[in-house]
PDB file of N, CA and C in Angstrom:
ATOM      1  N   MET A   1      13.887  16.002  49.262  1.00  0.00           N
ATOM      2  CA  MET A   1      14.715  15.487  50.340  1.00  0.00           C
ATOM      3  C   MET A   1      14.928  16.601  51.363  1.00  0.00           C
ATOM      4  N   PRO A   2      14.569  16.369  52.611  1.00  0.00           N
ATOM      5  CA  PRO A   2      14.731  17.412  53.640  1.00  0.00           C
ATOM      6  C   PRO A   2      16.190  17.633  54.005  1.00  0.00           C
ATOM      7  N   ILE A   3      16.487  18.835  54.422  1.00  0.00           N
ATOM      8  CA  ILE A   3      17.838  19.192  54.858  1.00  0.00           C
ATOM      9  C   ILE A   3      17.860  19.217  56.375  1.00  0.00           C
ATOM     10  N   GLU A   4      18.842  18.561  56.953  1.00  0.00           N
ATOM     11  CA  GLU A   4      18.958  18.507  58.407  1.00  0.00           C
ATOM     12  C   GLU A   4      20.118  19.391  58.852  1.00  0.00           C
ATOM     13  N   ILE A   5      19.842  20.297  59.781  1.00  0.00           N
ATOM     14  CA  ILE A   5      20.871  21.167  60.343  1.00  0.00           C
ATOM     15  C   ILE A   5      21.271  20.582  61.684  1.00  0.00           C
ATOM     16  N   LYS A   6      22.494  20.081  61.776  1.00  0.00           N
ATOM     17  CA  LYS A   6      22.959  19.475  63.025  1.00  0.00           C
ATOM     18  C   LYS A   6      23.598  20.502  63.943  1.00  0.00           C
ATOM     19  N   GLU A   7      24.275  21.454  63.370  1.00  0.00           N
ATOM     20  CA  GLU A   7      24.919  22.505  64.162  1.00  0.00           C
ATOM     21  C   GLU A   7      24.759  23.831  63.451  1.00  0.00           C
ATOM     22  N   LEU A   8      24.637  24.890  64.248  1.00  0.00           N
ATOM     23  CA  LEU A   8      24.529  26.235  63.699  1.00  0.00           C
ATOM     24  C   LEU A   8      25.566  27.095  64.389  1.00  0.00           C
ATOM     25  N   HIS A   9      26.519  27.588  63.641  1.00  0.00           N
ATOM     26  CA  HIS A   9      27.571  28.437  64.193  1.00  0.00           C
ATOM     27  C   HIS A   9      27.355  29.862  63.707  1.00  0.00           C
ATOM     28  N   ILE A  10      27.307  30.788  64.643  1.00  0.00           N
ATOM     29  CA  ILE A  10      27.172  32.203  64.305  1.00  0.00           C
ATOM     30  C   ILE A  10      28.390  32.919  64.852  1.00  0.00           C
ATOM     31  N   LYS A  11      29.111  33.588  63.983  1.00  0.00           N
ATOM     32  CA  LYS A  11      30.320  34.287  64.371  1.00  0.00           C
ATOM     33  C   LYS A  11      30.104  35.773  64.154  1.00  0.00           C
ATOM     34  N   ILE A  12      30.344  36.562  65.190  1.00  0.00           N
ATOM     35  CA  ILE A  12      30.138  38.005  65.118  1.00  0.00           C
ATOM     36  C   ILE A  12      31.410  38.703  65.585  1.00  0.00           C
ATOM     37  N   ASN A  13      31.856  39.665  64.816  1.00  0.00           N
ATOM     38  CA  ASN A  13      32.993  40.485  65.210  1.00  0.00           C
ATOM     39  C   ASN A  13      32.483  41.840  65.664  1.00  0.00           C
ATOM     40  N   VAL A  14      32.876  42.238  66.858  1.00  0.00           N
ATOM     41  CA  VAL A  14      32.422  43.507  67.421  1.00  0.00           C
ATOM     42  C   VAL A  14      33.589  44.477  67.424  1.00  0.00           C
ATOM     43  N   ASP A  15      33.347  45.662  66.888  1.00  0.00           N
ATOM     44  CA  ASP A  15      34.364  46.694  66.853  1.00  0.00           C
ATOM     45  C   ASP A  15      33.847  47.889  67.639  1.00  0.00           C
ATOM     46  N   GLU A  16      34.548  48.301  68.657  1.00  0.00           N
ATOM     47  CA  GLU A  16      34.104  49.393  69.521  1.00  0.00           C
ATOM     48  C   GLU A  16      34.021  50.717  68.767  1.00  0.00           C
ATOM     49  N   LYS A  17      34.799  50.908  67.728  1.00  0.00           N
ATOM     50  CA  LYS A  17      34.794  52.160  66.973  1.00  0.00           C
ATOM     51  C   LYS A  17      33.496  52.358  66.210  1.00  0.00           C
ATOM     52  N   THR A  18      32.790  51.287  65.866  1.00  0.00           N
ATOM     53  CA  THR A  18      31.557  51.419  65.089  1.00  0.00           C
ATOM     54  C   THR A  18      30.394  51.915  65.937  1.00  0.00           C
ATOM     55  N   ALA A  19      30.549  51.999  67.237  1.00  0.00           N
ATOM     56  CA  ALA A  19      29.462  52.464  68.099  1.00  0.00           C
ATOM     57  C   ALA A  19      29.175  53.950  67.871  1.00  0.00           C
ATOM     58  N   THR A  20      30.102  54.691  67.307  1.00  0.00           N
ATOM     59  CA  THR A  20      29.919  56.122  67.099  1.00  0.00           C
ATOM     60  C   THR A  20      29.581  56.454  65.643  1.00  0.00           C
ATOM     61  N   THR A  21      29.042  55.502  64.900  1.00  0.00           N
ATOM     62  CA  THR A  21      28.708  55.741  63.492  1.00  0.00           C
ATOM     63  C   THR A  21      27.366  56.448  63.371  1.00  0.00           C
ATOM     64  N   THR A  22      26.993  56.764  62.147  1.00  0.00           N
ATOM     65  CA  THR A  22      25.742  57.495  61.901  1.00  0.00           C
ATOM     66  C   THR A  22      24.540  56.589  62.096  1.00  0.00           C
ATOM     67  N   SER A  23      23.353  57.177  62.085  1.00  0.00           N
ATOM     68  CA  SER A  23      22.126  56.412  62.306  1.00  0.00           C
ATOM     69  C   SER A  23      21.826  55.476  61.140  1.00  0.00           C
ATOM     70  N   ALA A  24      22.311  55.771  59.938  1.00  0.00           N
ATOM     71  CA  ALA A  24      22.083  54.891  58.794  1.00  0.00           C
ATOM     72  C   ALA A  24      22.722  53.535  59.031  1.00  0.00           C
ATOM     73  N   ALA A  25      23.894  53.519  59.633  1.00  0.00           N
ATOM     74  CA  ALA A  25      24.561  52.249  59.929  1.00  0.00           C
ATOM     75  C   ALA A  25      23.796  51.486  60.999  1.00  0.00           C
ATOM     76  N   SER A  26      23.200  52.183  61.956  1.00  0.00           N
ATOM     77  CA  SER A  26      22.442  51.499  62.998  1.00  0.00           C
ATOM     78  C   SER A  26      21.160  50.893  62.428  1.00  0.00           C
ATOM     79  N   VAL A  27      20.598  51.509  61.411  1.00  0.00           N
ATOM     80  CA  VAL A  27      19.423  50.936  60.754  1.00  0.00           C
ATOM     81  C   VAL A  27      19.814  49.632  60.083  1.00  0.00           C
ATOM     82  N   ASP A  28      20.943  49.619  59.390  1.00  0.00           N
ATOM     83  CA  ASP A  28      21.423  48.399  58.762  1.00  0.00           C
ATOM     84  C   ASP A  28      21.684  47.330  59.822  1.00  0.00           C
ATOM     85  N   GLU A  29      22.256  47.732  60.935  1.00  0.00           N
ATOM     86  CA  GLU A  29      22.525  46.792  62.020  1.00  0.00           C
ATOM     87  C   GLU A  29      21.221  46.235  62.576  1.00  0.00           C
ATOM     88  N   ALA A  30      20.207  47.059  62.699  1.00  0.00           N
ATOM     89  CA  ALA A  30      18.912  46.603  63.188  1.00  0.00           C
ATOM     90  C   ALA A  30      18.294  45.607  62.216  1.00  0.00           C
ATOM     91  N   GLN A  31      18.423  45.858  60.935  1.00  0.00           N
ATOM     92  CA  GLN A  31      17.901  44.927  59.939  1.00  0.00           C
ATOM     93  C   GLN A  31      18.640  43.596  60.001  1.00  0.00           C
ATOM     94  N   ILE A  32      19.939  43.661  60.194  1.00  0.00           N
ATOM     95  CA  ILE A  32      20.736  42.436  60.294  1.00  0.00           C
ATOM     96  C   ILE A  32      20.326  41.645  61.525  1.00  0.00           C
ATOM     97  N   MET A  33      20.170  42.327  62.649  1.00  0.00           N
ATOM     98  CA  MET A  33      19.782  41.641  63.884  1.00  0.00           C
ATOM     99  C   MET A  33      18.390  41.030  63.737  1.00  0.00           C
ATOM    100  N   ARG A  34      17.473  41.722  63.070  1.00  0.00           N
ATOM    101  CA  ARG A  34      16.131  41.192  62.848  1.00  0.00           C
ATOM    102  C   ARG A  34      16.199  39.936  61.985  1.00  0.00           C
ATOM    103  N   ALA A  35      17.019  39.964  60.942  1.00  0.00           N
ATOM    104  CA  ALA A  35      17.160  38.801  60.063  1.00  0.00           C
ATOM    105  C   ALA A  35      17.753  37.613  60.819  1.00  0.00           C
ATOM    106  N   VAL A  36      18.739  37.878  61.660  1.00  0.00           N
ATOM    107  CA  VAL A  36      19.356  36.811  62.443  1.00  0.00           C
ATOM    108  C   VAL A  36      18.345  36.212  63.412  1.00  0.00           C
ATOM    109  N   SER A  37      17.579  37.067  64.092  1.00  0.00           N
ATOM    110  CA  SER A  37      16.607  36.550  65.056  1.00  0.00           C
ATOM    111  C   SER A  37      15.508  35.749  64.357  1.00  0.00           C
ATOM    112  N   GLU A  38      15.073  36.181  63.187  1.00  0.00           N
ATOM    113  CA  GLU A  38      14.073  35.429  62.437  1.00  0.00           C
ATOM    114  C   GLU A  38      14.619  34.072  62.017  1.00  0.00           C
ATOM    115  N   SER A  39      15.882  34.038  61.607  1.00  0.00           N
ATOM    116  CA  SER A  39      16.499  32.776  61.207  1.00  0.00           C
ATOM    117  C   SER A  39      16.585  31.813  62.383  1.00  0.00           C
ATOM    118  N   VAL A  40      16.956  32.328  63.537  1.00  0.00           N
ATOM    119  CA  VAL A  40      17.048  31.485  64.731  1.00  0.00           C
ATOM    120  C   VAL A  40      15.666  30.962  65.110  1.00  0.00           C
ATOM    121  N   GLU A  41      14.661  31.818  65.046  1.00  0.00           N
ATOM    122  CA  GLU A  41      13.293  31.393  65.360  1.00  0.00           C
ATOM    123  C   GLU A  41      12.833  30.291  64.413  1.00  0.00           C
ATOM    124  N   GLN A  42      13.140  30.424  63.130  1.00  0.00           N
ATOM    125  CA  GLN A  42      12.758  29.410  62.163  1.00  0.00           C
ATOM    126  C   GLN A  42      13.472  28.095  62.447  1.00  0.00           C
ATOM    127  N   ALA A  43      14.741  28.154  62.813  1.00  0.00           N
ATOM    128  CA  ALA A  43      15.487  26.943  63.132  1.00  0.00           C
ATOM    129  C   ALA A  43      14.899  26.256  64.358  1.00  0.00           C
ATOM    130  N   VAL A  44      14.495  27.019  65.356  1.00  0.00           N
ATOM    131  CA  VAL A  44      13.882  26.454  66.559  1.00  0.00           C
ATOM    132  C   VAL A  44      12.548  25.800  66.211  1.00  0.00           C
ATOM    133  N   LYS A  45      11.747  26.450  65.377  1.00  0.00           N
ATOM    134  CA  LYS A  45      10.459  25.876  64.974  1.00  0.00           C
ATOM    135  C   LYS A  45      10.660  24.561  64.232  1.00  0.00           C
ATOM    136  N   ILE A  46      11.671  24.509  63.369  1.00  0.00           N
ATOM    137  CA  ILE A  46      11.959  23.282  62.624  1.00  0.00           C
ATOM    138  C   ILE A  46      12.325  22.164  63.589  1.00  0.00           C
ATOM    139  N   GLU A  47      13.159  22.463  64.562  1.00  0.00           N
ATOM    140  CA  GLU A  47      13.556  21.457  65.551  1.00  0.00           C
ATOM    141  C   GLU A  47      12.354  20.991  66.372  1.00  0.00           C
ATOM    142  N   GLN A  48      11.459  21.893  66.736  1.00  0.00           N
ATOM    143  CA  GLN A  48      10.265  21.523  67.499  1.00  0.00           C
ATOM    144  C   GLN A  48       9.368  20.610  66.687  1.00  0.00           C
ATOM    145  N   ARG A  49       9.205  20.923  65.403  1.00  0.00           N
ATOM    146  CA  ARG A  49       8.376  20.075  64.546  1.00  0.00           C
ATOM    147  C   ARG A  49       8.978  18.691  64.393  1.00  0.00           C
ATOM    148  N   LYS A  50      10.304  18.618  64.309  1.00  0.00           N
ATOM    149  CA  LYS A  50      10.971  17.329  64.200  1.00  0.00           C
ATOM    150  C   LYS A  50      10.766  16.502  65.459  1.00  0.00           C
ATOM    151  N   LYS A  51      10.780  17.144  66.619  1.00  0.00           N
ATOM    152  CA  LYS A  51      10.596  16.424  67.875  1.00  0.00           C
ATOM    153  C   LYS A  51       9.171  15.938  68.036  1.00  0.00           C
ATOM    154  N   GLU A  52       8.187  16.657  67.469  1.00  0.00           N
ATOM    155  CA  GLU A  52       6.791  16.265  67.562  1.00  0.00           C
ATOM    156  C   GLU A  52       6.499  15.007  66.765  1.00  0.00           C
ATOM    157  N   ARG A  53       7.258  14.763  65.734  1.00  0.00           N
ATOM    158  CA  ARG A  53       7.034  13.586  64.879  1.00  0.00           C
ATOM    159  C   ARG A  53       7.418  12.381  65.612  1.00  0.00           C
TER     160      ARG A  53
END
């Protein structure tokens, strides 16, 4: 049974103090951003395939 995503809510909290953290934290942030962008791309592809049907 396919799963249908009707809405996607992404909530992000930004803290100005974290901008001065070490490079290890920025690597983790880059990995998180990459994962989020891949997830969004996959959701868009799913929606496009649904519209093609």
